Protein backbone atom coordinates (compact mmCIF):
# COMPACT_ATOMS: atom_id res chain seq x y z
CA UNK A 1 21.65 -45.97 145.11
CA UNK A 2 19.99 -46.47 141.74
CA UNK A 3 19.04 -49.94 140.56
CA UNK A 4 20.62 -51.27 137.40
CA UNK A 5 18.36 -52.53 134.64
CA UNK A 6 18.00 -56.35 134.30
CA UNK A 7 20.11 -56.45 131.15
CA UNK A 8 23.00 -54.84 133.02
CA UNK A 9 23.02 -57.81 135.36
CA UNK A 10 23.62 -60.07 132.37
CA UNK A 11 26.59 -58.01 131.06
CA UNK A 12 30.27 -58.13 131.90
CA UNK A 13 31.86 -54.66 132.15
CA UNK A 14 29.29 -53.47 129.63
CA UNK A 15 31.08 -55.39 126.92
CA UNK A 16 29.48 -58.00 124.79
CA UNK A 17 28.62 -60.74 127.29
CA UNK A 18 29.84 -64.26 126.79
CA UNK A 19 27.42 -67.20 126.95
CA UNK A 20 28.95 -68.39 130.24
CA UNK A 21 28.52 -64.98 131.80
CA UNK A 22 24.89 -64.80 130.73
CA UNK A 23 24.24 -68.23 132.20
CA UNK A 24 25.90 -67.27 135.49
CA UNK A 25 23.99 -64.00 135.75
CA UNK A 26 20.72 -65.81 135.09
CA UNK A 27 21.60 -68.34 137.75
CA UNK A 28 22.25 -65.55 140.23
CA UNK A 29 18.89 -63.97 139.43
CA UNK A 30 17.13 -67.33 139.79
CA UNK A 31 18.83 -68.27 143.06
CA UNK A 32 16.62 -66.15 145.34
CA UNK A 33 13.49 -67.48 143.65
CA UNK A 34 14.70 -71.08 143.89
CA UNK A 35 15.72 -70.57 147.48
CA UNK A 36 12.34 -69.13 148.38
CA UNK A 37 10.58 -72.04 146.71
CA UNK A 38 12.77 -74.62 148.44
CA UNK A 39 12.25 -72.86 151.75
CA UNK A 40 8.46 -72.89 151.29
CA UNK A 41 8.47 -76.59 150.45
CA UNK A 42 10.89 -77.51 153.21
CA UNK A 43 8.92 -75.66 155.86
CA UNK A 44 5.52 -77.01 154.86
CA UNK A 45 3.48 -78.00 157.90
CA UNK A 46 2.17 -81.02 156.00
CA UNK A 47 5.53 -82.80 155.93
CA UNK A 48 8.15 -83.44 158.55
CA UNK A 49 11.54 -82.69 157.02
CA UNK A 50 14.46 -83.86 159.12
CA UNK A 51 18.02 -83.42 157.85
CA UNK A 52 20.92 -85.12 159.60
CA UNK A 53 24.67 -85.20 159.31
CA UNK A 54 26.44 -88.32 158.08
CA UNK A 55 26.26 -89.87 161.56
CA UNK A 56 22.52 -89.29 161.84
CA UNK A 57 22.49 -86.39 164.29
CA UNK A 58 19.63 -84.04 163.47
CA UNK A 59 20.76 -80.73 161.93
CA UNK A 60 17.47 -79.40 160.55
CA UNK A 61 14.00 -79.93 162.03
CA UNK A 62 11.31 -78.11 160.07
CA UNK A 63 7.93 -76.68 161.10
CA UNK A 64 6.12 -79.81 159.91
CA UNK A 65 8.32 -81.98 162.12
CA UNK A 66 7.65 -79.70 165.09
CA UNK A 67 3.89 -79.94 164.50
CA UNK A 68 3.87 -83.70 164.08
CA UNK A 69 6.30 -84.64 166.84
CA UNK A 70 5.73 -81.90 169.42
CA UNK A 71 9.42 -81.01 169.77
CA UNK A 72 10.94 -77.65 168.97
CA UNK A 73 13.92 -77.66 166.62
CA UNK A 74 16.16 -76.51 169.49
CA UNK A 75 15.21 -79.59 171.54
CA UNK A 76 16.47 -82.07 168.97
CA UNK A 77 19.08 -80.39 166.76
CA UNK A 78 22.62 -81.63 167.46
CA UNK A 79 21.22 -83.86 170.23
CA UNK A 80 19.40 -86.92 168.88
CA UNK A 81 18.96 -89.01 165.73
CA UNK A 82 15.66 -89.95 164.03
CA UNK A 83 16.08 -93.43 165.51
CA UNK A 84 15.55 -91.92 168.97
CA UNK A 85 12.00 -90.88 168.06
CA UNK A 86 11.18 -94.14 166.25
CA UNK A 87 9.59 -97.33 167.64
CA UNK A 88 12.64 -99.39 168.73
CA UNK A 89 10.97 -102.73 168.02
CA UNK A 90 10.16 -101.64 164.48
CA UNK A 91 13.74 -100.43 164.00
CA UNK A 92 15.06 -103.81 165.17
CA UNK A 93 12.63 -105.63 162.89
CA UNK A 94 13.67 -103.42 159.96
CA UNK A 95 17.35 -104.14 160.60
CA UNK A 96 16.70 -107.90 160.57
CA UNK A 97 14.59 -107.71 157.42
CA UNK A 98 17.17 -105.61 155.56
CA UNK A 99 19.99 -107.90 156.68
CA UNK A 100 18.17 -110.84 155.10
CA UNK A 101 17.18 -108.88 152.00
CA UNK A 102 20.61 -107.40 151.29
CA UNK A 103 22.74 -110.21 152.68
CA UNK A 104 24.76 -108.01 155.02
CA UNK A 105 24.53 -107.37 158.78
CA UNK A 106 22.77 -104.10 159.59
CA UNK A 107 22.87 -102.65 163.07
CA UNK A 108 19.52 -101.69 164.64
CA UNK A 109 19.40 -97.92 164.99
CA UNK A 110 19.91 -95.04 162.59
CA UNK A 111 21.80 -97.26 160.13
CA UNK A 112 18.66 -99.36 159.62
CA UNK A 113 16.72 -96.21 158.70
CA UNK A 114 19.14 -94.98 156.02
CA UNK A 115 21.07 -98.05 154.85
CA UNK A 116 19.32 -98.37 151.49
CA UNK A 117 19.61 -94.65 150.79
CA UNK A 118 23.33 -94.80 151.60
CA UNK A 119 23.66 -97.43 148.84
CA UNK A 120 21.74 -95.30 146.34
CA UNK A 121 18.60 -97.43 146.62
CA UNK A 122 15.26 -95.62 146.67
CA UNK A 123 13.75 -96.14 150.11
CA UNK A 124 10.22 -95.40 151.28
CA UNK A 125 8.89 -97.25 154.30
CA UNK A 126 6.34 -97.15 157.11
CA UNK A 127 7.50 -96.42 160.63
CA UNK A 128 5.93 -95.47 163.94
CA UNK A 129 7.15 -92.19 165.41
CA UNK A 130 6.96 -91.20 169.09
CA UNK A 131 5.80 -87.69 169.95
CA UNK A 132 7.26 -85.68 172.81
CA UNK A 133 4.17 -86.46 174.93
CA UNK A 134 4.72 -90.20 174.47
CA UNK A 135 1.90 -90.74 172.01
CA UNK A 136 2.67 -92.48 168.74
CA UNK A 137 1.53 -92.25 165.15
CA UNK A 138 2.26 -94.12 161.91
CA UNK A 139 4.32 -92.30 159.30
CA UNK A 140 5.45 -92.93 155.75
CA UNK A 141 9.11 -91.94 155.46
CA UNK A 142 11.13 -91.22 152.33
CA UNK A 143 14.91 -91.17 152.78
CA UNK A 144 17.47 -89.49 150.52
CA UNK A 145 21.25 -89.35 150.96
CA UNK A 146 22.76 -85.85 150.76
CA UNK A 147 26.06 -85.77 148.86
CA UNK A 148 28.75 -83.15 148.26
CA UNK A 149 30.41 -82.26 144.96
CA UNK A 150 32.68 -85.30 145.26
CA UNK A 151 29.60 -87.57 145.74
CA UNK A 152 30.51 -88.25 149.36
CA UNK A 153 27.59 -88.59 151.79
CA UNK A 154 27.35 -85.58 154.07
CA UNK A 155 23.97 -86.37 155.59
CA UNK A 156 20.43 -87.64 155.05
CA UNK A 157 17.04 -86.08 154.48
CA UNK A 158 14.03 -87.90 155.95
CA UNK A 159 10.68 -86.59 154.76
CA UNK A 160 7.67 -88.02 156.57
CA UNK A 161 3.91 -87.78 156.36
CA UNK A 162 1.41 -88.64 159.07
CA UNK A 163 -0.17 -91.92 157.98
CA UNK A 164 -2.85 -92.00 160.70
CA UNK A 165 -5.78 -91.18 158.42
CA UNK A 166 -4.81 -93.82 155.86
CA UNK A 167 -4.28 -96.39 158.60
CA UNK A 168 -7.72 -95.61 159.99
CA UNK A 169 -9.24 -96.02 156.54
CA UNK A 170 -7.38 -99.30 156.09
CA UNK A 171 -8.54 -100.51 159.51
CA UNK A 172 -12.13 -99.58 158.70
CA UNK A 173 -11.86 -101.25 155.31
CA UNK A 174 -10.47 -104.34 157.01
CA UNK A 175 -13.45 -104.40 159.37
CA UNK A 176 -15.86 -103.98 156.47
CA UNK A 177 -14.15 -106.76 154.54
CA UNK A 178 -14.35 -109.03 157.58
CA UNK A 179 -18.03 -108.23 158.04
CA UNK A 180 -18.57 -109.00 154.37
CA UNK A 181 -16.74 -112.32 154.72
CA UNK A 182 -18.79 -113.14 157.82
CA UNK A 183 -22.01 -112.29 156.00
CA UNK A 184 -20.98 -114.37 153.00
CA UNK A 185 -20.11 -117.29 155.30
CA UNK A 186 -23.42 -116.93 157.12
CA UNK A 187 -25.37 -116.85 153.86
CA UNK A 188 -23.41 -119.81 152.50
CA UNK A 189 -24.02 -121.75 155.71
CA UNK A 190 -27.77 -121.18 155.42
CA UNK A 191 -27.73 -122.39 151.83
CA UNK A 192 -25.61 -125.44 152.55
CA UNK A 193 -27.53 -126.46 155.68
CA UNK A 194 -30.85 -126.43 153.82
CA UNK A 195 -32.41 -129.89 153.41
CA UNK A 196 -33.63 -128.89 149.94
CA UNK A 197 -31.58 -128.71 146.76
CA UNK A 198 -30.94 -124.97 146.23
CA UNK A 199 -30.33 -123.60 142.75
CA UNK A 200 -29.93 -120.10 141.34
CA UNK A 201 -30.07 -119.41 137.62
CA UNK A 202 -29.76 -116.38 135.40
CA UNK A 203 -32.86 -115.24 133.47
CA UNK A 204 -31.92 -117.66 130.67
CA UNK A 205 -32.05 -120.66 132.99
CA UNK A 206 -28.29 -121.15 133.24
CA UNK A 207 -27.21 -122.35 136.70
CA UNK A 208 -25.16 -119.77 138.63
CA UNK A 209 -25.00 -121.38 142.09
CA UNK A 210 -26.03 -124.57 143.89
CA UNK A 211 -25.65 -126.27 147.27
CA UNK A 212 -24.48 -129.73 148.34
CA UNK A 213 -28.02 -131.11 148.19
CA UNK A 214 -28.19 -130.25 144.49
CA UNK A 215 -24.90 -132.07 143.96
CA UNK A 216 -26.38 -135.13 145.67
CA UNK A 217 -29.63 -134.86 143.72
CA UNK A 218 -27.86 -134.82 140.34
CA UNK A 219 -24.67 -136.72 141.21
CA UNK A 220 -22.73 -133.82 139.65
CA UNK A 221 -20.12 -131.55 141.21
CA UNK A 222 -20.57 -127.83 141.72
CA UNK A 223 -18.15 -127.04 138.90
CA UNK A 224 -19.99 -129.40 136.56
CA UNK A 225 -23.37 -127.82 137.33
CA UNK A 226 -22.55 -124.11 137.26
CA UNK A 227 -22.80 -122.67 133.77
CA UNK A 228 -25.08 -125.41 132.43
CA UNK A 229 -28.84 -125.29 131.66
CA UNK A 230 -31.16 -126.05 134.59
CA UNK A 231 -33.35 -128.23 132.36
CA UNK A 232 -30.54 -130.72 131.69
CA UNK A 233 -31.01 -132.46 135.03
CA UNK A 234 -34.66 -133.49 134.74
CA UNK A 235 -36.48 -136.29 132.93
CA UNK A 236 -38.67 -133.75 131.15
CA UNK A 237 -36.41 -130.87 130.03
CA UNK A 238 -39.28 -128.99 128.40
CA UNK A 239 -41.29 -129.02 131.64
CA UNK A 240 -38.21 -127.89 133.58
CA UNK A 241 -37.59 -125.04 131.13
CA UNK A 242 -41.25 -124.08 131.37
CA UNK A 243 -40.83 -123.85 135.15
CA UNK A 244 -38.13 -121.17 134.75
CA UNK A 245 -40.27 -119.21 132.31
CA UNK A 246 -43.26 -119.48 134.64
CA UNK A 247 -41.28 -118.05 137.55
CA UNK A 248 -40.06 -115.15 135.42
CA UNK A 249 -43.59 -114.31 134.33
CA UNK A 250 -45.45 -114.98 137.60
CA UNK A 251 -42.57 -113.95 139.93
CA UNK A 252 -42.96 -117.21 141.88
CA UNK A 253 -43.97 -120.86 141.56
CA UNK A 254 -45.04 -123.28 144.30
CA UNK A 255 -45.26 -127.08 144.39
CA UNK A 256 -44.29 -127.54 140.76
CA UNK A 257 -43.52 -131.23 140.36
CA UNK A 258 -40.42 -132.33 138.46
CA UNK A 259 -38.40 -135.53 138.32
CA UNK A 260 -34.65 -135.10 138.70
CA UNK A 261 -32.31 -137.58 137.07
CA UNK A 262 -28.70 -138.49 137.88
CA UNK A 263 -26.11 -139.48 135.32
CA UNK A 264 -26.68 -143.16 136.07
CA UNK A 265 -30.42 -142.80 135.59
CA UNK A 266 -31.62 -142.65 139.20
CA UNK A 267 -34.83 -140.63 139.42
CA UNK A 268 -36.06 -138.44 142.26
CA UNK A 269 -39.43 -136.71 142.34
CA UNK A 270 -39.11 -133.16 143.66
CA UNK A 271 -41.44 -130.33 144.55
CA UNK A 272 -40.04 -127.22 142.91
CA UNK A 273 -40.63 -123.84 144.62
CA UNK A 274 -39.03 -120.73 143.18
CA UNK A 275 -39.00 -116.95 143.05
CA UNK A 276 -37.12 -114.24 141.18
CA UNK A 277 -34.37 -112.16 142.82
CA UNK A 278 -32.89 -108.72 142.11
CA UNK A 279 -29.75 -106.72 142.84
CA UNK A 280 -29.77 -103.53 144.95
CA UNK A 281 -30.78 -101.50 141.89
CA UNK A 282 -33.83 -103.74 141.39
CA UNK A 283 -32.37 -105.23 138.24
CA UNK A 284 -33.53 -108.79 137.68
CA UNK A 285 -30.73 -111.25 138.35
CA UNK A 286 -32.48 -114.56 137.88
CA UNK A 287 -34.34 -117.34 139.68
CA UNK A 288 -33.85 -118.73 143.19
CA UNK A 289 -35.29 -122.23 143.50
CA UNK A 290 -35.61 -124.98 146.10
CA UNK A 291 -36.32 -128.55 145.05
CA UNK A 292 -37.53 -130.82 147.85
CA UNK A 293 -37.35 -134.59 147.50
CA UNK A 294 -40.94 -135.80 147.76
CA UNK A 295 -40.26 -139.42 146.74
CA UNK A 296 -41.20 -140.74 150.19
CA UNK A 297 -44.21 -138.47 150.33
CA UNK A 298 -45.32 -139.75 146.94
CA UNK A 299 -44.86 -143.34 148.13
CA UNK A 300 -46.94 -142.70 151.24
CA UNK A 301 -49.59 -140.98 149.13
CA UNK A 302 -49.69 -144.02 146.86
CA UNK A 303 -49.98 -146.37 149.82
CA UNK A 304 -52.73 -144.19 151.29
CA UNK A 305 -54.60 -144.22 148.00
CA UNK A 306 -54.26 -147.99 147.77
CA UNK A 307 -55.43 -148.35 151.37
CA UNK A 308 -58.41 -146.10 150.66
CA UNK A 309 -59.33 -148.21 147.63
CA UNK A 310 -59.01 -151.37 149.72
CA UNK A 311 -61.20 -149.85 152.43
CA UNK A 312 -63.80 -148.84 149.87
CA UNK A 313 -63.79 -152.35 148.47
CA UNK A 314 -64.04 -153.85 151.95
CA UNK A 315 -66.87 -151.49 152.81
CA UNK A 316 -68.68 -152.46 149.62
CA UNK A 317 -68.27 -156.17 150.41
CA UNK A 318 -69.42 -155.63 154.00
CA UNK A 319 -72.43 -153.64 152.91
CA UNK A 320 -73.28 -156.32 150.35
CA UNK A 321 -72.93 -159.05 152.97
CA UNK A 322 -75.04 -157.09 155.42
CA UNK A 323 -77.74 -156.68 152.80
CA UNK A 324 -77.66 -160.41 152.06
CA UNK A 325 -77.93 -161.11 155.76
CA UNK A 326 -80.92 -158.82 156.08
CA UNK A 327 -82.62 -160.48 153.12
CA UNK A 328 -81.93 -163.92 154.55
CA UNK A 329 -83.30 -163.02 157.96
CA UNK A 330 -86.38 -161.45 156.42
CA UNK A 331 -87.02 -164.57 154.37
CA UNK A 332 -86.45 -166.90 157.28
CA UNK A 333 -88.70 -164.81 159.50
CA UNK A 334 -91.54 -165.17 157.01
CA UNK A 335 -91.03 -168.90 156.62
CA UNK A 336 -90.89 -169.53 160.36
CA UNK A 337 -93.84 -167.30 161.25
CA UNK A 338 -96.54 -169.70 159.90
CA UNK A 339 -95.39 -172.84 161.80
CA UNK A 340 -94.92 -170.82 164.96
CA UNK A 341 -98.42 -169.39 164.70
CA UNK A 342 -99.79 -172.93 164.25
CA UNK A 343 -97.93 -174.18 167.30
CA UNK A 344 -99.11 -171.26 169.40
CA UNK A 345 -102.71 -171.87 168.31
CA UNK A 346 -102.47 -175.58 169.14
CA UNK A 347 -101.06 -174.74 172.55
CA UNK A 348 -104.00 -172.49 173.28
CA UNK A 349 -106.45 -175.33 172.39
CA UNK A 350 -104.65 -177.64 174.79
CA UNK A 351 -105.19 -175.17 177.56
């Protein structure tokens, strides 16, 4: 049987075709192609495609569903609903949540899985499926109501994807985020527990972070300090600014003395020790500094100096007195020697 040319398919009794006839013929030609495309998509192993009747009983169970769930189509078609392979606790929870959201009672079971779709509401949700072997996996499910020409619901199409990989990534990300929070807490704890006032600045000397000790040293809150110049909180701003510049040029500074000042004028002498710090790309970020209150140390040093001066003075007085004593004894010895010699000589004559 010979094949007719394509244009003969678009004609009606070889007469001049009408527009409707041409459209219909083209539709007939396109149908096999469309059907093949739909069939390829529907039977993709990457998606589980489950079609049900209006009551939820499975009518179509594609290759992807077989791969994901471990059932053959024959084992589930006309026998169970998608609710039977879903986590019952999640189905119950979904029914409760939808009842509250939509203000109408929803029965746990298949109705909870398709209720939104039955009302024409787009519905994509996460659900745990059970495989034939009893194992479980998370899935993302998209539900669509299937309607006839009169817009009556004749069934539902549930397309699912295995969400295991994404869940694993999310779990790993959650662990990483928790580790990061723990590390940040640990670092913050070290900074806050330090007995010194800790300050970080950018390369321009603007404060970027501080600890509680710095708040106490300046009588300013964290929010008041951050974003302001480091030099503002010292009796000699020029010397404080020079300290930042010195750190940037020398990479570190040790025992640099500054006097901090509170808003009410209270002064505290501090020993400033600082170094520069970088990000992971070795880009300079700023200065990390510790300012230790050395007021008591300075007081003790002053007392020690005063004591040393007093001891030197006492030693000088003692040495002077000892010299005077020596001179006195020497003089007295000379003055007494002559009479004693005379007495001794007289005593010898008496003998």
